[in-house]
Amino acid sequence: MKITWLGHSSFIIEDCKGRKLLTDPFNDSIGYEVFKGDIDVVTISHQHFDHNYKDNINSEKVAVVEKVGFFNPCDIPIQGIPSYHDKDQGTKRGENIVYLFQMDGYKLCHLGDLGHLLSKEDISKIGGVDVLFIPIGGNYTINGKEAFQITKTIKSHVIIPMHYKTPDLSFPLEGLEVFLKYIKKGKRINSNSIELTDDLKKLDGELLILDYK
């Protein structure tokens, strides 16, 4: 499996059969290059411009998942779990969907724009995962400290931070530094892509930092 970070909360996840899943596509206003390419499935965690841009997606060929529930597009099992974009049950920023994917024998969890700590029920629904994509930038989502707390409750072999400040991002978020105060071990990948291997399953909460370019 290959994981490629496009910036913000957007990733391409490609399995061994060449099927490609795109998470939370953004428009050109946030500073990153907009995705243009062929994909099979897209997931959208919530309906904000920096997570739901579909103008470049061929809706006749691409399966779009943007609801809570169980789905199986292109034989990729996906579960959408309800959550909120803020700490006040969505009254400020609305709802958010946490997605679980099963690809190449791996279980991946994309938290979207999660804005609150997770309940015991949420943690139970998610279970253990192989790869956790977690927002860390604060302001609109959980911050670095809160993200660290969640990594202690969701047991994951690999943690990939997202939705944080970079030189190209056009609006204010916390950078990596706050999260890194709490996560002591980590490995920066000098690429925006990484290949998952069976060896990664042996890791215990390893932080992998991808470069978006």
N, C-alpha and C. Protein backbone atom coordinates (compact mmCIF):
# COMPACT_ATOMS: atom_id res chain seq x y z
N MET A 1 0.82 -1.20 0.00
CA MET A 1 0.00 0.00 0.00
C MET A 1 0.86 1.25 0.00
N LYS A 2 0.42 2.24 -0.76
CA LYS A 2 1.14 3.50 -0.84
C LYS A 2 0.24 4.62 -0.32
N ILE A 3 0.79 5.44 0.58
CA ILE A 3 0.08 6.60 1.11
C ILE A 3 0.80 7.87 0.67
N THR A 4 0.06 8.78 0.07
CA THR A 4 0.63 10.04 -0.41
C THR A 4 -0.14 11.20 0.20
N TRP A 5 0.60 12.11 0.86
CA TRP A 5 -0.03 13.30 1.45
C TRP A 5 -0.05 14.42 0.42
N LEU A 6 -1.25 14.99 0.19
CA LEU A 6 -1.42 16.10 -0.74
C LEU A 6 -1.43 17.45 -0.03
N GLY A 7 -1.38 17.41 1.31
CA GLY A 7 -1.48 18.63 2.11
C GLY A 7 -2.80 18.63 2.87
N HIS A 8 -2.81 19.35 4.00
CA HIS A 8 -4.01 19.50 4.82
C HIS A 8 -4.48 18.12 5.30
N SER A 9 -5.72 17.73 4.99
CA SER A 9 -6.22 16.42 5.42
C SER A 9 -6.42 15.48 4.25
N SER A 10 -5.78 15.79 3.15
CA SER A 10 -6.01 15.06 1.92
C SER A 10 -4.87 14.08 1.62
N PHE A 11 -5.25 12.82 1.42
CA PHE A 11 -4.30 11.76 1.12
C PHE A 11 -4.81 10.92 -0.03
N ILE A 12 -3.89 10.34 -0.78
CA ILE A 12 -4.21 9.28 -1.72
C ILE A 12 -3.72 7.97 -1.09
N ILE A 13 -4.61 7.02 -0.97
CA ILE A 13 -4.25 5.69 -0.46
C ILE A 13 -4.45 4.70 -1.61
N GLU A 14 -3.37 4.08 -2.03
CA GLU A 14 -3.42 3.16 -3.18
C GLU A 14 -3.07 1.75 -2.72
N ASP A 15 -3.93 0.79 -3.03
CA ASP A 15 -3.68 -0.58 -2.61
C ASP A 15 -2.93 -1.37 -3.67
N CYS A 16 -2.67 -2.64 -3.38
CA CYS A 16 -1.86 -3.46 -4.27
C CYS A 16 -2.53 -3.75 -5.60
N LYS A 17 -3.85 -3.53 -5.68
CA LYS A 17 -4.58 -3.73 -6.92
C LYS A 17 -4.68 -2.46 -7.75
N GLY A 18 -4.07 -1.39 -7.25
CA GLY A 18 -4.08 -0.12 -7.98
C GLY A 18 -5.30 0.73 -7.72
N ARG A 19 -6.16 0.31 -6.80
CA ARG A 19 -7.33 1.11 -6.46
C ARG A 19 -6.90 2.30 -5.60
N LYS A 20 -7.44 3.48 -5.91
CA LYS A 20 -7.02 4.70 -5.23
C LYS A 20 -8.19 5.34 -4.50
N LEU A 21 -7.94 5.64 -3.23
CA LEU A 21 -8.92 6.33 -2.40
C LEU A 21 -8.37 7.70 -2.04
N LEU A 22 -9.17 8.74 -2.23
CA LEU A 22 -8.79 10.12 -1.93
C LEU A 22 -9.60 10.61 -0.73
N THR A 23 -8.92 11.20 0.26
CA THR A 23 -9.62 11.75 1.42
C THR A 23 -9.66 13.28 1.35
N ASP A 24 -10.78 13.85 1.74
CA ASP A 24 -10.95 15.29 1.99
C ASP A 24 -10.25 16.20 0.98
N PRO A 25 -10.68 16.19 -0.29
CA PRO A 25 -10.06 17.07 -1.28
C PRO A 25 -10.38 18.54 -1.01
N PHE A 26 -9.42 19.43 -1.29
CA PHE A 26 -9.57 20.86 -1.00
C PHE A 26 -9.57 21.67 -2.31
N ASN A 27 -10.04 22.93 -2.22
CA ASN A 27 -9.98 23.81 -3.40
C ASN A 27 -8.69 24.61 -3.39
N ASP A 28 -8.53 25.50 -4.36
CA ASP A 28 -7.25 26.20 -4.55
C ASP A 28 -7.06 27.41 -3.64
N SER A 29 -7.99 27.66 -2.72
CA SER A 29 -7.88 28.85 -1.88
C SER A 29 -7.00 28.64 -0.65
N ILE A 30 -6.64 27.40 -0.34
CA ILE A 30 -5.94 27.16 0.93
C ILE A 30 -4.42 27.15 0.78
N GLY A 31 -3.94 27.19 -0.47
CA GLY A 31 -2.50 27.32 -0.67
C GLY A 31 -1.80 26.12 -1.26
N TYR A 32 -2.42 24.94 -1.20
CA TYR A 32 -1.81 23.75 -1.76
C TYR A 32 -2.29 23.53 -3.20
N GLU A 33 -1.54 22.73 -3.92
CA GLU A 33 -1.93 22.39 -5.28
C GLU A 33 -3.14 21.45 -5.26
N VAL A 34 -4.15 21.80 -6.04
CA VAL A 34 -5.38 21.01 -6.07
C VAL A 34 -5.12 19.69 -6.79
N PHE A 35 -5.69 18.61 -6.26
CA PHE A 35 -5.50 17.29 -6.86
C PHE A 35 -6.17 17.19 -8.22
N LYS A 36 -5.43 16.66 -9.17
CA LYS A 36 -5.97 16.35 -10.50
C LYS A 36 -5.43 14.99 -10.90
N GLY A 37 -6.29 14.04 -11.05
CA GLY A 37 -5.85 12.70 -11.39
C GLY A 37 -7.00 11.71 -11.30
N ASP A 38 -6.70 10.48 -11.60
CA ASP A 38 -7.70 9.42 -11.56
C ASP A 38 -7.77 8.79 -10.18
N ILE A 39 -8.97 8.62 -9.68
CA ILE A 39 -9.18 7.95 -8.40
C ILE A 39 -10.42 7.07 -8.54
N ASP A 40 -10.61 6.20 -7.58
CA ASP A 40 -11.76 5.31 -7.59
C ASP A 40 -12.80 5.67 -6.53
N VAL A 41 -12.31 6.13 -5.39
CA VAL A 41 -13.19 6.45 -4.27
C VAL A 41 -12.72 7.74 -3.61
N VAL A 42 -13.67 8.56 -3.17
CA VAL A 42 -13.31 9.74 -2.38
C VAL A 42 -14.18 9.76 -1.14
N THR A 43 -13.57 10.09 0.00
CA THR A 43 -14.32 10.27 1.24
C THR A 43 -14.26 11.73 1.67
N ILE A 44 -15.37 12.22 2.18
CA ILE A 44 -15.48 13.61 2.61
C ILE A 44 -15.97 13.63 4.05
N SER A 45 -15.16 14.19 4.94
CA SER A 45 -15.49 14.15 6.36
C SER A 45 -16.55 15.17 6.75
N HIS A 46 -16.62 16.28 6.01
CA HIS A 46 -17.62 17.30 6.29
C HIS A 46 -17.65 18.29 5.13
N GLN A 47 -18.69 19.11 5.10
CA GLN A 47 -18.93 19.96 3.93
C GLN A 47 -18.36 21.36 4.10
N HIS A 48 -17.04 21.45 4.24
CA HIS A 48 -16.33 22.73 4.22
C HIS A 48 -15.39 22.74 3.01
N PHE A 49 -15.11 23.92 2.49
CA PHE A 49 -14.40 24.07 1.22
C PHE A 49 -13.02 23.43 1.20
N ASP A 50 -12.40 23.31 2.37
CA ASP A 50 -11.06 22.74 2.41
C ASP A 50 -11.08 21.23 2.63
N HIS A 51 -12.28 20.63 2.46
CA HIS A 51 -12.40 19.18 2.65
C HIS A 51 -13.38 18.53 1.67
N ASN A 52 -14.07 19.29 0.84
CA ASN A 52 -15.15 18.71 0.03
C ASN A 52 -15.12 19.13 -1.44
N TYR A 53 -13.95 19.48 -1.96
CA TYR A 53 -13.87 19.98 -3.33
C TYR A 53 -13.98 18.82 -4.32
N LYS A 54 -15.06 18.84 -5.13
CA LYS A 54 -15.32 17.72 -6.04
C LYS A 54 -15.35 18.13 -7.51
N ASP A 55 -15.00 19.36 -7.81
CA ASP A 55 -15.09 19.83 -9.20
C ASP A 55 -14.18 19.06 -10.14
N ASN A 56 -13.07 18.53 -9.63
CA ASN A 56 -12.14 17.79 -10.47
C ASN A 56 -12.42 16.29 -10.49
N ILE A 57 -13.52 15.89 -9.88
CA ILE A 57 -13.83 14.47 -9.76
C ILE A 57 -14.94 14.09 -10.72
N ASN A 58 -14.72 13.05 -11.49
CA ASN A 58 -15.72 12.54 -12.42
C ASN A 58 -16.74 11.72 -11.63
N SER A 59 -17.88 12.32 -11.38
CA SER A 59 -18.87 11.68 -10.51
C SER A 59 -19.45 10.41 -11.13
N GLU A 60 -19.32 10.24 -12.44
CA GLU A 60 -19.84 9.04 -13.08
C GLU A 60 -18.92 7.84 -12.86
N LYS A 61 -17.64 8.10 -12.59
CA LYS A 61 -16.67 7.02 -12.44
C LYS A 61 -16.19 6.84 -11.00
N VAL A 62 -16.36 7.87 -10.19
CA VAL A 62 -15.80 7.86 -8.84
C VAL A 62 -16.92 7.70 -7.81
N ALA A 63 -16.71 6.79 -6.87
CA ALA A 63 -17.66 6.62 -5.77
C ALA A 63 -17.35 7.64 -4.69
N VAL A 64 -18.35 8.43 -4.32
CA VAL A 64 -18.18 9.46 -3.30
C VAL A 64 -18.89 9.02 -2.02
N VAL A 65 -18.13 8.95 -0.93
CA VAL A 65 -18.68 8.59 0.37
C VAL A 65 -18.63 9.82 1.26
N GLU A 66 -19.79 10.29 1.69
CA GLU A 66 -19.84 11.50 2.51
C GLU A 66 -20.94 11.41 3.57
N LYS A 67 -21.21 10.19 4.02
CA LYS A 67 -22.24 9.96 5.02
C LYS A 67 -21.75 8.97 6.07
N VAL A 68 -22.45 8.98 7.18
CA VAL A 68 -22.23 7.98 8.22
C VAL A 68 -22.82 6.65 7.76
N GLY A 69 -22.16 5.55 8.08
CA GLY A 69 -22.70 4.24 7.73
C GLY A 69 -21.63 3.30 7.24
N PHE A 70 -22.08 2.19 6.64
CA PHE A 70 -21.18 1.18 6.10
C PHE A 70 -21.27 1.18 4.58
N PHE A 71 -20.12 1.16 3.92
CA PHE A 71 -20.07 1.23 2.47
C PHE A 71 -19.01 0.24 1.95
N ASN A 72 -19.14 -0.11 0.68
CA ASN A 72 -18.17 -1.04 0.11
C ASN A 72 -17.87 -0.69 -1.36
N PRO A 73 -17.52 0.57 -1.64
CA PRO A 73 -17.23 0.96 -3.01
C PRO A 73 -15.94 0.30 -3.52
N CYS A 74 -15.99 -0.21 -4.73
CA CYS A 74 -14.81 -0.86 -5.32
C CYS A 74 -14.25 -1.97 -4.42
N ASP A 75 -15.14 -2.61 -3.67
CA ASP A 75 -14.76 -3.67 -2.73
C ASP A 75 -13.79 -3.19 -1.65
N ILE A 76 -13.90 -1.92 -1.30
CA ILE A 76 -13.12 -1.35 -0.19
C ILE A 76 -14.08 -1.10 0.98
N PRO A 77 -14.01 -1.89 2.05
CA PRO A 77 -14.89 -1.66 3.19
C PRO A 77 -14.60 -0.32 3.87
N ILE A 78 -15.63 0.48 4.02
CA ILE A 78 -15.52 1.80 4.65
C ILE A 78 -16.64 1.95 5.68
N GLN A 79 -16.27 2.46 6.84
CA GLN A 79 -17.26 2.78 7.87
C GLN A 79 -17.14 4.23 8.25
N GLY A 80 -18.25 4.95 8.22
CA GLY A 80 -18.29 6.34 8.65
C GLY A 80 -18.92 6.45 10.03
N ILE A 81 -18.19 7.02 10.97
CA ILE A 81 -18.63 7.13 12.36
C ILE A 81 -18.92 8.60 12.69
N PRO A 82 -20.07 8.91 13.27
CA PRO A 82 -20.41 10.31 13.54
C PRO A 82 -19.56 10.93 14.65
N SER A 83 -19.23 12.20 14.46
CA SER A 83 -18.50 12.97 15.46
C SER A 83 -18.82 14.44 15.20
N TYR A 84 -18.06 15.33 15.85
CA TYR A 84 -18.35 16.76 15.72
C TYR A 84 -17.09 17.54 15.39
N HIS A 85 -17.32 18.70 14.77
CA HIS A 85 -16.25 19.60 14.36
C HIS A 85 -15.83 20.54 15.49
N ASP A 86 -16.50 20.45 16.63
CA ASP A 86 -16.21 21.34 17.75
C ASP A 86 -16.50 20.61 19.06
N LYS A 87 -16.30 21.31 20.15
CA LYS A 87 -16.51 20.72 21.48
C LYS A 87 -17.94 20.89 21.98
N ASP A 88 -18.82 21.49 21.15
CA ASP A 88 -20.19 21.78 21.57
C ASP A 88 -21.21 21.04 20.72
N GLN A 89 -20.91 19.80 20.42
CA GLN A 89 -21.81 18.90 19.67
C GLN A 89 -22.27 19.51 18.35
N GLY A 90 -21.33 20.19 17.69
CA GLY A 90 -21.59 20.70 16.35
C GLY A 90 -22.30 22.02 16.27
N THR A 91 -22.56 22.67 17.39
CA THR A 91 -23.31 23.93 17.34
C THR A 91 -22.50 25.07 16.72
N LYS A 92 -21.17 24.96 16.75
CA LYS A 92 -20.32 26.01 16.19
C LYS A 92 -19.89 25.72 14.75
N ARG A 93 -19.47 24.49 14.49
CA ARG A 93 -18.92 24.18 13.16
C ARG A 93 -19.58 22.99 12.49
N GLY A 94 -20.53 22.37 13.12
CA GLY A 94 -21.25 21.29 12.48
C GLY A 94 -20.69 19.91 12.81
N GLU A 95 -21.10 18.95 12.01
CA GLU A 95 -20.73 17.56 12.24
C GLU A 95 -19.48 17.18 11.47
N ASN A 96 -18.90 16.07 11.86
CA ASN A 96 -17.69 15.54 11.23
C ASN A 96 -17.83 14.02 11.18
N ILE A 97 -17.23 13.41 10.17
CA ILE A 97 -17.28 11.96 10.05
C ILE A 97 -15.87 11.39 10.17
N VAL A 98 -15.72 10.44 11.07
CA VAL A 98 -14.49 9.66 11.19
C VAL A 98 -14.64 8.44 10.29
N TYR A 99 -13.64 8.20 9.43
CA TYR A 99 -13.73 7.07 8.51
C TYR A 99 -12.73 5.98 8.86
N LEU A 100 -13.20 4.74 8.77
CA LEU A 100 -12.35 3.56 8.86
C LEU A 100 -12.30 2.90 7.50
N PHE A 101 -11.10 2.56 7.03
CA PHE A 101 -10.92 1.88 5.75
C PHE A 101 -10.21 0.55 5.98
N GLN A 102 -10.57 -0.45 5.19
CA GLN A 102 -9.86 -1.73 5.18
C GLN A 102 -9.24 -1.90 3.79
N MET A 103 -7.90 -1.84 3.72
CA MET A 103 -7.22 -1.96 2.44
C MET A 103 -5.93 -2.75 2.63
N ASP A 104 -5.72 -3.73 1.75
CA ASP A 104 -4.49 -4.56 1.78
C ASP A 104 -4.24 -5.20 3.14
N GLY A 105 -5.30 -5.50 3.86
CA GLY A 105 -5.14 -6.12 5.16
C GLY A 105 -4.84 -5.14 6.28
N TYR A 106 -4.80 -3.86 5.96
CA TYR A 106 -4.57 -2.82 6.97
C TYR A 106 -5.89 -2.15 7.33
N LYS A 107 -5.97 -1.68 8.56
CA LYS A 107 -7.11 -0.88 9.01
C LYS A 107 -6.61 0.54 9.22
N LEU A 108 -7.21 1.48 8.51
CA LEU A 108 -6.80 2.87 8.57
C LEU A 108 -7.94 3.71 9.13
N CYS A 109 -7.60 4.73 9.89
CA CYS A 109 -8.59 5.62 10.49
C CYS A 109 -8.24 7.06 10.16
N HIS A 110 -9.16 7.77 9.51
CA HIS A 110 -9.01 9.19 9.17
C HIS A 110 -10.00 9.97 10.02
N LEU A 111 -9.49 10.82 10.90
CA LEU A 111 -10.35 11.51 11.87
C LEU A 111 -11.01 12.77 11.32
N GLY A 112 -10.71 13.16 10.07
CA GLY A 112 -11.32 14.35 9.52
C GLY A 112 -10.99 15.58 10.34
N ASP A 113 -11.96 16.47 10.49
CA ASP A 113 -11.77 17.68 11.30
C ASP A 113 -12.37 17.47 12.70
N LEU A 114 -11.91 16.44 13.36
CA LEU A 114 -12.40 16.15 14.70
C LEU A 114 -12.12 17.33 15.63
N GLY A 115 -13.14 17.75 16.37
CA GLY A 115 -12.99 18.93 17.21
C GLY A 115 -13.09 18.67 18.70
N HIS A 116 -13.06 17.41 19.10
CA HIS A 116 -13.27 17.09 20.51
C HIS A 116 -12.56 15.78 20.84
N LEU A 117 -12.36 15.54 22.13
CA LEU A 117 -11.85 14.26 22.57
C LEU A 117 -12.92 13.19 22.36
N LEU A 118 -12.50 11.97 22.18
CA LEU A 118 -13.43 10.89 21.88
C LEU A 118 -13.95 10.23 23.15
N SER A 119 -15.21 9.80 23.09
CA SER A 119 -15.80 9.09 24.22
C SER A 119 -15.36 7.63 24.21
N LYS A 120 -15.63 6.92 25.29
CA LYS A 120 -15.32 5.49 25.36
C LYS A 120 -16.07 4.74 24.26
N GLU A 121 -17.29 5.17 23.97
CA GLU A 121 -18.06 4.53 22.91
C GLU A 121 -17.41 4.75 21.55
N ASP A 122 -16.92 5.98 21.31
CA ASP A 122 -16.22 6.27 20.06
C ASP A 122 -14.98 5.38 19.92
N ILE A 123 -14.21 5.30 20.98
CA ILE A 123 -12.98 4.52 20.96
C ILE A 123 -13.29 3.05 20.70
N SER A 124 -14.37 2.57 21.29
CA SER A 124 -14.77 1.18 21.10
C SER A 124 -15.17 0.92 19.64
N LYS A 125 -15.86 1.86 19.02
CA LYS A 125 -16.26 1.71 17.62
C LYS A 125 -15.05 1.68 16.71
N ILE A 126 -14.07 2.51 17.01
CA ILE A 126 -12.88 2.60 16.16
C ILE A 126 -11.99 1.38 16.35
N GLY A 127 -11.78 0.99 17.60
CA GLY A 127 -10.93 -0.15 17.89
C GLY A 127 -9.47 0.15 17.58
N GLY A 128 -8.66 -0.89 17.52
CA GLY A 128 -7.27 -0.72 17.16
C GLY A 128 -7.11 -0.54 15.65
N VAL A 129 -6.14 0.26 15.25
CA VAL A 129 -5.91 0.52 13.82
C VAL A 129 -4.43 0.39 13.50
N ASP A 130 -4.15 0.24 12.22
CA ASP A 130 -2.76 0.19 11.77
C ASP A 130 -2.21 1.57 11.47
N VAL A 131 -3.04 2.44 10.87
CA VAL A 131 -2.62 3.79 10.52
C VAL A 131 -3.67 4.78 10.99
N LEU A 132 -3.24 5.79 11.75
CA LEU A 132 -4.14 6.83 12.25
C LEU A 132 -3.74 8.17 11.64
N PHE A 133 -4.67 8.78 10.90
CA PHE A 133 -4.49 10.13 10.37
C PHE A 133 -5.20 11.08 11.33
N ILE A 134 -4.43 11.97 11.96
CA ILE A 134 -5.00 12.77 13.04
C ILE A 134 -4.71 14.26 12.85
N PRO A 135 -5.75 15.13 12.97
CA PRO A 135 -5.52 16.58 12.90
C PRO A 135 -4.84 17.05 14.18
N ILE A 136 -3.95 18.03 14.04
CA ILE A 136 -3.20 18.48 15.23
C ILE A 136 -3.13 20.01 15.33
N GLY A 137 -3.74 20.74 14.39
CA GLY A 137 -3.49 22.17 14.26
C GLY A 137 -4.28 23.09 15.15
N GLY A 138 -5.27 22.55 15.90
CA GLY A 138 -6.04 23.43 16.76
C GLY A 138 -6.88 24.43 15.98
N ASN A 139 -7.38 25.42 16.65
CA ASN A 139 -8.19 26.49 16.08
C ASN A 139 -9.53 25.96 15.56
N TYR A 140 -9.50 25.09 14.57
CA TYR A 140 -10.73 24.52 14.00
C TYR A 140 -10.91 23.05 14.39
N THR A 141 -9.88 22.43 14.93
CA THR A 141 -9.91 21.01 15.29
C THR A 141 -9.26 20.83 16.66
N ILE A 142 -9.07 19.58 17.06
CA ILE A 142 -8.25 19.32 18.24
C ILE A 142 -6.85 19.88 18.04
N ASN A 143 -6.21 20.27 19.12
CA ASN A 143 -4.85 20.81 19.02
C ASN A 143 -3.81 19.70 19.27
N GLY A 144 -2.56 20.09 19.32
CA GLY A 144 -1.49 19.11 19.46
C GLY A 144 -1.58 18.30 20.74
N LYS A 145 -1.91 18.96 21.86
CA LYS A 145 -2.01 18.25 23.13
C LYS A 145 -3.19 17.28 23.13
N GLU A 146 -4.32 17.75 22.60
CA GLU A 146 -5.51 16.89 22.53
C GLU A 146 -5.28 15.71 21.59
N ALA A 147 -4.58 15.99 20.49
CA ALA A 147 -4.26 14.92 19.55
C ALA A 147 -3.41 13.85 20.23
N PHE A 148 -2.45 14.29 21.02
CA PHE A 148 -1.62 13.34 21.76
C PHE A 148 -2.48 12.48 22.69
N GLN A 149 -3.44 13.10 23.37
CA GLN A 149 -4.31 12.34 24.27
C GLN A 149 -5.08 11.27 23.50
N ILE A 150 -5.52 11.62 22.30
CA ILE A 150 -6.27 10.65 21.50
C ILE A 150 -5.39 9.50 21.05
N THR A 151 -4.12 9.80 20.74
CA THR A 151 -3.21 8.71 20.33
C THR A 151 -2.99 7.72 21.47
N LYS A 152 -3.27 8.14 22.68
CA LYS A 152 -3.13 7.23 23.81
C LYS A 152 -4.36 6.32 23.98
N THR A 153 -5.45 6.71 23.34
CA THR A 153 -6.68 5.91 23.46
C THR A 153 -6.95 5.08 22.20
N ILE A 154 -6.58 5.59 21.03
CA ILE A 154 -6.66 4.80 19.80
C ILE A 154 -5.31 4.13 19.60
N LYS A 155 -5.26 2.84 19.73
CA LYS A 155 -4.01 2.12 19.58
C LYS A 155 -3.70 1.92 18.10
N SER A 156 -2.61 2.54 17.64
CA SER A 156 -2.26 2.50 16.23
C SER A 156 -0.78 2.18 16.07
N HIS A 157 -0.46 1.39 15.06
CA HIS A 157 0.94 1.08 14.77
C HIS A 157 1.66 2.32 14.24
N VAL A 158 0.95 3.11 13.42
CA VAL A 158 1.54 4.28 12.77
C VAL A 158 0.62 5.47 12.96
N ILE A 159 1.19 6.64 13.26
CA ILE A 159 0.44 7.89 13.41
C ILE A 159 0.95 8.88 12.37
N ILE A 160 0.03 9.43 11.57
CA ILE A 160 0.40 10.44 10.57
C ILE A 160 -0.37 11.72 10.88
N PRO A 161 0.33 12.79 11.29
CA PRO A 161 -0.36 14.05 11.59
C PRO A 161 -0.81 14.77 10.33
N MET A 162 -1.86 15.56 10.45
CA MET A 162 -2.41 16.31 9.31
C MET A 162 -3.08 17.57 9.83
N HIS A 163 -3.53 18.41 8.90
CA HIS A 163 -4.30 19.61 9.23
C HIS A 163 -3.55 20.49 10.23
N TYR A 164 -2.33 20.89 9.82
CA TYR A 164 -1.53 21.78 10.65
C TYR A 164 -0.85 22.83 9.76
N LYS A 165 -0.26 23.83 10.38
CA LYS A 165 0.32 24.95 9.64
C LYS A 165 1.59 24.54 8.91
N THR A 166 1.66 24.93 7.66
CA THR A 166 2.87 24.81 6.85
C THR A 166 3.09 26.16 6.16
N PRO A 167 4.25 26.37 5.54
CA PRO A 167 4.48 27.66 4.87
C PRO A 167 3.46 27.99 3.79
N ASP A 168 2.86 26.97 3.18
CA ASP A 168 1.93 27.22 2.07
C ASP A 168 0.48 27.41 2.51
N LEU A 169 0.15 26.98 3.70
CA LEU A 169 -1.24 27.05 4.12
C LEU A 169 -1.66 28.50 4.34
N SER A 170 -2.87 28.84 3.88
CA SER A 170 -3.28 30.24 3.85
C SER A 170 -4.01 30.71 5.11
N PHE A 171 -4.27 29.84 6.08
CA PHE A 171 -4.95 30.30 7.30
C PHE A 171 -4.25 29.75 8.54
N PRO A 172 -4.50 30.37 9.70
CA PRO A 172 -3.70 30.07 10.89
C PRO A 172 -4.08 28.76 11.58
N LEU A 173 -3.08 27.92 11.77
CA LEU A 173 -3.19 26.72 12.59
C LEU A 173 -1.89 26.57 13.37
N GLU A 174 -1.90 25.73 14.38
CA GLU A 174 -0.64 25.37 15.03
C GLU A 174 0.20 24.54 14.08
N GLY A 175 1.51 24.63 14.26
CA GLY A 175 2.41 23.79 13.48
C GLY A 175 2.67 22.46 14.17
N LEU A 176 3.62 21.74 13.64
CA LEU A 176 3.99 20.44 14.20
C LEU A 176 4.57 20.53 15.61
N GLU A 177 5.17 21.68 15.94
CA GLU A 177 5.98 21.77 17.15
C GLU A 177 5.20 21.45 18.42
N VAL A 178 3.93 21.84 18.49
CA VAL A 178 3.14 21.57 19.70
C VAL A 178 2.94 20.07 19.87
N PHE A 179 2.54 19.41 18.81
CA PHE A 179 2.32 17.96 18.86
C PHE A 179 3.61 17.24 19.23
N LEU A 180 4.73 17.71 18.67
CA LEU A 180 6.00 17.05 18.89
C LEU A 180 6.51 17.19 20.32
N LYS A 181 5.97 18.16 21.07
CA LYS A 181 6.34 18.28 22.48
C LYS A 181 5.87 17.05 23.27
N TYR A 182 4.79 16.45 22.79
CA TYR A 182 4.19 15.34 23.51
C TYR A 182 4.57 13.99 22.89
N ILE A 183 4.64 13.94 21.57
CA ILE A 183 5.07 12.72 20.90
C ILE A 183 6.60 12.74 20.82
N LYS A 184 7.24 11.91 21.58
CA LYS A 184 8.70 11.98 21.69
C LYS A 184 9.42 11.27 20.55
N LYS A 185 8.82 10.20 20.03
CA LYS A 185 9.49 9.46 18.97
C LYS A 185 8.79 9.74 17.65
N GLY A 186 9.58 9.94 16.62
CA GLY A 186 9.01 10.23 15.33
C GLY A 186 10.04 10.12 14.23
N LYS A 187 9.57 9.95 13.03
CA LYS A 187 10.45 9.82 11.88
C LYS A 187 9.92 10.68 10.74
N ARG A 188 10.75 11.62 10.30
CA ARG A 188 10.35 12.45 9.17
C ARG A 188 10.70 11.74 7.87
N ILE A 189 9.71 11.64 7.01
CA ILE A 189 9.91 11.02 5.71
C ILE A 189 10.21 12.11 4.70
N ASN A 190 11.34 12.05 4.04
CA ASN A 190 11.72 13.09 3.08
C ASN A 190 11.00 12.90 1.75
N SER A 191 9.71 12.74 1.86
CA SER A 191 8.87 12.51 0.69
C SER A 191 7.43 12.73 1.13
N ASN A 192 6.54 12.94 0.17
CA ASN A 192 5.12 13.02 0.54
C ASN A 192 4.45 11.66 0.45
N SER A 193 5.23 10.60 0.17
CA SER A 193 4.68 9.26 0.03
C SER A 193 5.45 8.25 0.87
N ILE A 194 4.75 7.21 1.25
CA ILE A 194 5.39 6.11 1.97
C ILE A 194 4.71 4.81 1.55
N GLU A 195 5.50 3.74 1.47
CA GLU A 195 4.99 2.41 1.18
C GLU A 195 4.82 1.66 2.51
N LEU A 196 3.64 1.14 2.75
CA LEU A 196 3.42 0.34 3.94
C LEU A 196 3.88 -1.08 3.69
N THR A 197 4.56 -1.66 4.66
CA THR A 197 5.01 -3.04 4.58
C THR A 197 4.57 -3.77 5.84
N ASP A 198 4.71 -5.06 5.83
CA ASP A 198 4.33 -5.84 7.02
C ASP A 198 5.14 -5.41 8.23
N ASP A 199 6.36 -4.92 8.00
CA ASP A 199 7.21 -4.51 9.12
C ASP A 199 6.58 -3.39 9.94
N LEU A 200 5.79 -2.52 9.28
CA LEU A 200 5.18 -1.40 9.99
C LEU A 200 4.17 -1.88 11.03
N LYS A 201 3.61 -3.05 10.81
CA LYS A 201 2.66 -3.57 11.79
C LYS A 201 3.33 -3.89 13.12
N LYS A 202 4.65 -4.00 13.11
CA LYS A 202 5.39 -4.30 14.33
C LYS A 202 5.66 -3.05 15.16
N LEU A 203 5.41 -1.88 14.56
CA LEU A 203 5.67 -0.63 15.27
C LEU A 203 4.59 -0.38 16.31
N ASP A 204 4.92 0.40 17.30
CA ASP A 204 3.99 0.69 18.39
C ASP A 204 3.85 2.20 18.54
N GLY A 205 2.86 2.76 17.85
CA GLY A 205 2.62 4.19 17.95
C GLY A 205 3.69 5.05 17.33
N GLU A 206 4.34 4.56 16.28
CA GLU A 206 5.39 5.32 15.62
C GLU A 206 4.80 6.52 14.87
N LEU A 207 5.39 7.68 15.07
CA LEU A 207 4.94 8.90 14.38
C LEU A 207 5.72 9.04 13.07
N LEU A 208 5.01 9.10 11.95
CA LEU A 208 5.61 9.32 10.65
C LEU A 208 5.16 10.66 10.12
N ILE A 209 6.11 11.53 9.79
CA ILE A 209 5.78 12.88 9.31
C ILE A 209 6.10 12.92 7.81
N LEU A 210 5.08 13.09 6.98
CA LEU A 210 5.28 13.18 5.56
C LEU A 210 5.45 14.63 5.14
N ASP A 211 6.25 14.89 4.12
CA ASP A 211 6.34 16.21 3.51
C ASP A 211 5.30 16.28 2.39
N TYR A 212 4.58 17.39 2.28
CA TYR A 212 3.49 17.45 1.32
C TYR A 212 3.96 17.73 -0.10
N LYS A 213 5.28 17.99 -0.28
CA LYS A 213 5.79 18.21 -1.63
C LYS A 213 6.87 17.19 -1.90
